[in-house]
């Protein structure tokens, strides 16, 4: 027999190949099972009593230690605190918003039930803050400083005025414009929904009066992950629900 042969039909290379196949199959099984630590078991549209988890089944809970010292288990039995939806006359019908469509959490206005805490930098300080408390940050001289400019909806009606900018201290960019409403209160406008002009800010996803309905933040100088989701969802919902015409066919 040649070097490495165990019998006339089996050698070491063959056994190594078989061992690799077994290891790789086990790795796929493990990764696929670990992938189900979040989002599973799925909810059935037929009955809440039905558990949908597929194969392999959902793994046993594992405790994870977070950077702030807290712990969280996954998977867990926590259900998302989402707004109620009208599912239509039959199973599989398009979801319809209940109440204010801009806050209903449907379609482009959907949001994830993230943690209701502010994001922090690697150093542990609040990540997204207004310029008034962010020392060392400012608007570049060659750019338009939007502070003091009116904010117009797609209808051209002024809904608010910019009073400050909120900067992401980790990414070194502006995330939000802080708006002062005509009556009282302040709300945030995500930069990716704002078109900055020399003399005004344009928001094409909302009408002017709808800017007053943007979900506010609990704290004047920080925004939580959950609040970011709901703020972004409000402007996103406006792309479809701001006017009845936006829900009609293009042709």
Protein backbone atom coordinates (compact mmCIF):
# COMPACT_ATOMS: atom_id res chain seq x y z
CA UNK A 1 0.00 0.00 0.00
CA UNK A 2 1.09 3.57 -0.66
CA UNK A 3 2.05 6.10 2.02
CA UNK A 4 -1.01 7.30 3.94
CA UNK A 5 -3.16 4.32 3.03
CA UNK A 6 -5.09 2.68 5.87
CA UNK A 7 -6.62 -0.11 3.79
CA UNK A 8 -6.71 -0.80 0.12
CA UNK A 9 -9.75 1.46 -0.21
CA UNK A 10 -9.35 4.07 2.57
CA UNK A 11 -6.50 6.50 3.14
CA UNK A 12 -5.84 9.50 5.42
CA UNK A 13 -6.78 12.11 2.79
CA UNK A 14 -10.17 10.47 2.36
CA UNK A 15 -10.83 10.52 6.11
CA UNK A 16 -9.80 14.19 6.30
CA UNK A 17 -12.22 15.01 3.49
CA UNK A 18 -15.07 13.22 5.28
CA UNK A 19 -14.21 15.00 8.54
CA UNK A 20 -14.30 18.35 6.72
CA UNK A 21 -17.72 17.57 5.28
CA UNK A 22 -19.08 16.67 8.73
CA UNK A 23 -17.54 19.81 10.26
CA UNK A 24 -18.91 22.05 7.52
CA UNK A 25 -22.42 20.57 7.81
CA UNK A 26 -22.30 21.12 11.56
CA UNK A 27 -21.13 24.70 11.05
CA UNK A 28 -24.04 25.44 8.70
CA UNK A 29 -26.48 23.93 11.21
CA UNK A 30 -24.99 25.97 14.07
CA UNK A 31 -25.00 29.28 12.18
CA UNK A 32 -28.53 28.76 10.89
CA UNK A 33 -29.73 28.03 14.43
CA UNK A 34 -27.90 31.01 15.92
CA UNK A 35 -29.50 33.17 13.22
CA UNK A 36 -32.84 32.54 14.92
CA UNK A 37 -31.96 34.28 18.19
CA UNK A 38 -33.81 37.38 17.03
CA UNK A 39 -37.09 37.54 15.13
CA UNK A 40 -38.19 34.00 16.02
CA UNK A 41 -40.54 32.35 16.50
CA UNK A 42 -42.49 34.00 13.68
CA UNK A 43 -46.11 35.07 14.12
CA UNK A 44 -48.66 33.23 12.04
CA UNK A 45 -51.28 35.28 10.19
CA UNK A 46 -53.78 32.50 10.88
CA UNK A 47 -53.59 32.32 14.67
CA UNK A 48 -51.39 33.69 17.47
CA UNK A 49 -51.44 30.19 18.98
CA UNK A 50 -49.35 28.83 16.09
CA UNK A 51 -45.58 28.82 16.60
CA UNK A 52 -43.57 29.18 13.40
CA UNK A 53 -39.88 28.46 13.82
CA UNK A 54 -38.94 26.04 11.03
CA UNK A 55 -35.95 23.72 11.21
CA UNK A 56 -33.75 23.79 13.13
CA UNK A 57 -35.73 25.03 16.10
CA UNK A 58 -35.03 28.23 18.01
CA UNK A 59 -31.96 27.82 20.27
CA UNK A 60 -32.09 28.00 24.04
CA UNK A 61 -31.75 31.50 25.55
CA UNK A 62 -28.24 32.86 25.95
CA UNK A 63 -27.28 35.80 28.16
CA UNK A 64 -25.26 38.60 26.55
CA UNK A 65 -23.40 41.25 28.54
CA UNK A 66 -23.72 44.75 27.05
CA UNK A 67 -21.08 47.47 27.10
CA UNK A 68 -23.00 49.44 29.76
CA UNK A 69 -22.95 46.49 32.17
CA UNK A 70 -26.53 45.39 31.56
CA UNK A 71 -27.46 41.95 30.32
CA UNK A 72 -30.00 40.78 27.78
CA UNK A 73 -31.24 37.34 26.83
CA UNK A 74 -31.88 36.13 23.31
CA UNK A 75 -34.18 34.68 22.26
CA UNK A 76 -36.80 36.09 24.61
CA UNK A 77 -40.56 36.31 24.79
CA UNK A 78 -40.73 40.10 24.40
CA UNK A 79 -43.23 41.24 21.80
CA UNK A 80 -42.80 44.41 19.78
CA UNK A 81 -44.94 47.31 20.94
CA UNK A 82 -46.30 48.15 17.50
CA UNK A 83 -49.43 50.19 16.68
CA UNK A 84 -52.63 48.27 15.89
CA UNK A 85 -53.23 47.48 12.22
CA UNK A 86 -56.32 46.80 10.17
CA UNK A 87 -55.59 43.67 8.14
CA UNK A 88 -58.44 44.04 5.67
CA UNK A 89 -61.43 41.86 4.93
CA UNK A 90 -59.45 38.69 4.22
CA UNK A 91 -56.17 37.08 5.17
CA UNK A 92 -53.34 38.44 3.06
CA UNK A 93 -55.08 41.73 2.28
CA UNK A 94 -52.88 44.85 2.35
CA UNK A 95 -52.43 46.38 5.80
CA UNK A 96 -54.38 49.56 6.32
CA UNK A 97 -53.41 52.30 8.81
CA UNK A 98 -55.58 52.90 11.86
CA UNK A 99 -55.99 56.53 12.92
CA UNK A 100 -53.29 58.96 11.78
CA UNK A 101 -51.60 57.22 8.80
CA UNK A 102 -48.36 59.12 9.46
CA UNK A 103 -48.07 57.44 12.87
CA UNK A 104 -49.66 54.08 12.07
CA UNK A 105 -46.41 52.22 11.41
CA UNK A 106 -47.51 50.91 8.00
CA UNK A 107 -45.51 50.64 4.78
CA UNK A 108 -42.93 53.44 4.46
CA UNK A 109 -43.91 54.50 7.98
CA UNK A 110 -42.93 51.20 9.61
CA UNK A 111 -40.46 51.31 12.49
CA UNK A 112 -38.52 48.84 14.58
CA UNK A 113 -39.05 48.56 18.33
CA UNK A 114 -35.47 49.49 19.26
CA UNK A 115 -34.14 50.28 22.72
CA UNK A 116 -35.48 53.52 24.19
CA UNK A 117 -32.00 54.78 25.10
CA UNK A 118 -29.64 57.21 23.40
CA UNK A 119 -26.79 55.83 21.32
CA UNK A 120 -23.30 56.51 22.66
CA UNK A 121 -19.82 56.83 21.21
CA UNK A 122 -16.91 54.47 21.86
CA UNK A 123 -15.94 56.73 24.77
CA UNK A 124 -19.42 56.38 26.30
CA UNK A 125 -20.76 59.91 25.68
CA UNK A 126 -24.04 60.74 23.91
CA UNK A 127 -23.47 60.29 20.19
CA UNK A 128 -25.99 62.64 18.55
CA UNK A 129 -26.34 66.07 20.18
CA UNK A 130 -27.15 69.64 19.10
CA UNK A 131 -24.31 71.98 18.16
CA UNK A 132 -24.96 74.11 21.24
CA UNK A 133 -23.49 71.36 23.42
CA UNK A 134 -20.99 69.89 20.92
CA UNK A 135 -17.77 71.78 21.44
CA UNK A 136 -15.45 71.77 18.45
CA UNK A 137 -18.15 71.25 15.82
CA UNK A 138 -19.69 73.79 13.47
CA UNK A 139 -20.92 74.53 9.94
CA UNK A 140 -18.23 74.83 7.28
CA UNK A 141 -17.85 78.43 6.01
CA UNK A 142 -18.50 77.40 2.39
CA UNK A 143 -21.80 75.70 3.28
CA UNK A 144 -25.22 77.20 3.95
CA UNK A 145 -25.90 77.64 7.66
CA UNK A 146 -29.57 76.60 7.91
CA UNK A 147 -30.16 78.12 11.36
CA UNK A 148 -32.91 80.69 11.12
CA UNK A 149 -34.21 79.49 7.74
CA UNK A 150 -37.90 78.59 7.25
CA UNK A 151 -38.88 74.97 6.65
CA UNK A 152 -41.42 74.55 3.85
CA UNK A 153 -43.54 71.53 3.11
CA UNK A 154 -44.16 70.19 -0.38
CA UNK A 155 -47.08 72.62 -0.62
CA UNK A 156 -44.80 75.61 0.00
CA UNK A 157 -46.33 76.37 3.40
CA UNK A 158 -43.93 77.21 6.22
CA UNK A 159 -44.24 74.70 9.04
CA UNK A 160 -41.27 75.56 11.26
CA UNK A 161 -37.90 77.29 11.46
CA UNK A 162 -34.46 75.81 11.97
CA UNK A 163 -32.91 76.69 15.32
CA UNK A 164 -29.99 74.25 15.53
CA UNK A 165 -28.23 71.28 13.93
CA UNK A 166 -27.61 67.91 15.57
CA UNK A 167 -24.23 66.36 14.90
CA UNK A 168 -23.11 62.74 15.04
CA UNK A 169 -19.88 62.96 17.01
CA UNK A 170 -18.72 59.52 15.84
CA UNK A 171 -19.34 59.95 12.11
CA UNK A 172 -18.55 63.69 12.00
CA UNK A 173 -21.71 64.66 10.11
CA UNK A 174 -25.07 66.33 10.73
CA UNK A 175 -27.96 63.95 11.36
CA UNK A 176 -30.87 66.27 12.12
CA UNK A 177 -32.10 69.84 11.92
CA UNK A 178 -33.83 71.04 15.07
CA UNK A 179 -37.05 72.88 14.23
CA UNK A 180 -39.02 75.38 16.28
CA UNK A 181 -42.76 75.03 15.68
CA UNK A 182 -44.96 78.14 15.27
CA UNK A 183 -46.81 77.59 18.53
CA UNK A 184 -44.40 75.91 20.91
CA UNK A 185 -42.22 72.85 21.04
CA UNK A 186 -39.37 71.58 18.93
CA UNK A 187 -39.01 68.57 16.64
CA UNK A 188 -36.24 67.03 14.55
CA UNK A 189 -35.91 66.83 10.78
CA UNK A 190 -33.59 64.09 9.43
CA UNK A 191 -31.04 65.51 7.01
CA UNK A 192 -31.89 62.91 4.35
CA UNK A 193 -35.45 64.32 4.20
CA UNK A 194 -34.28 67.95 3.99
CA UNK A 195 -33.34 69.85 0.84
CA UNK A 196 -31.20 72.82 1.87
CA UNK A 197 -31.52 75.93 -0.28
CA UNK A 198 -29.95 79.33 0.20
CA UNK A 199 -33.05 80.90 1.75
CA UNK A 200 -35.22 77.98 2.92
CA UNK A 201 -35.40 74.24 3.70
CA UNK A 202 -37.74 72.06 1.65
CA UNK A 203 -39.38 68.88 2.96
CA UNK A 204 -41.01 67.02 0.09
CA UNK A 205 -42.44 64.16 2.13
CA UNK A 206 -44.84 66.30 4.22
CA UNK A 207 -47.19 69.23 3.93
CA UNK A 208 -46.32 72.34 5.89
CA UNK A 209 -48.88 71.83 8.67
CA UNK A 210 -47.93 68.16 9.09
CA UNK A 211 -44.47 69.05 10.42
CA UNK A 212 -46.11 69.91 13.74
CA UNK A 213 -47.04 66.22 14.15
CA UNK A 214 -43.47 64.89 14.14
CA UNK A 215 -42.91 62.81 17.32
CA UNK A 216 -40.92 64.92 19.80
CA UNK A 217 -37.99 63.78 21.93
CA UNK A 218 -38.20 63.37 25.70
CA UNK A 219 -34.95 65.23 26.28
CA UNK A 220 -34.03 68.56 24.73
CA UNK A 221 -30.46 67.55 23.89
CA UNK A 222 -30.56 63.82 23.10
CA UNK A 223 -32.58 61.38 21.03
CA UNK A 224 -33.08 57.69 21.76
CA UNK A 225 -32.83 54.87 19.23
CA UNK A 226 -36.59 54.30 19.44
CA UNK A 227 -37.31 57.99 18.96
CA UNK A 228 -35.07 58.02 15.89
CA UNK A 229 -37.08 55.14 14.44
CA UNK A 230 -40.40 56.89 14.98
CA UNK A 231 -39.17 60.25 13.68
CA UNK A 232 -37.79 58.69 10.52
CA UNK A 233 -40.98 56.63 10.10
CA UNK A 234 -43.16 59.76 10.31
CA UNK A 235 -41.34 61.44 7.43
CA UNK A 236 -41.24 58.15 5.53
CA UNK A 237 -44.98 57.69 5.91
CA UNK A 238 -45.50 61.09 4.36
CA UNK A 239 -44.09 59.85 1.05
CA UNK A 240 -47.27 57.77 0.70
CA UNK A 241 -49.86 59.20 3.12
CA UNK A 242 -49.21 62.96 3.15
CA UNK A 243 -51.89 63.49 0.48
CA UNK A 244 -54.62 61.20 -0.88
CA UNK A 245 -53.18 61.56 -4.38
CA UNK A 246 -49.95 59.84 -3.34
CA UNK A 247 -51.89 56.65 -2.70
CA UNK A 248 -53.32 56.58 -6.21
CA UNK A 249 -51.77 54.77 -9.22
CA UNK A 250 -49.18 56.68 -11.24
CA UNK A 251 -51.00 55.89 -14.51
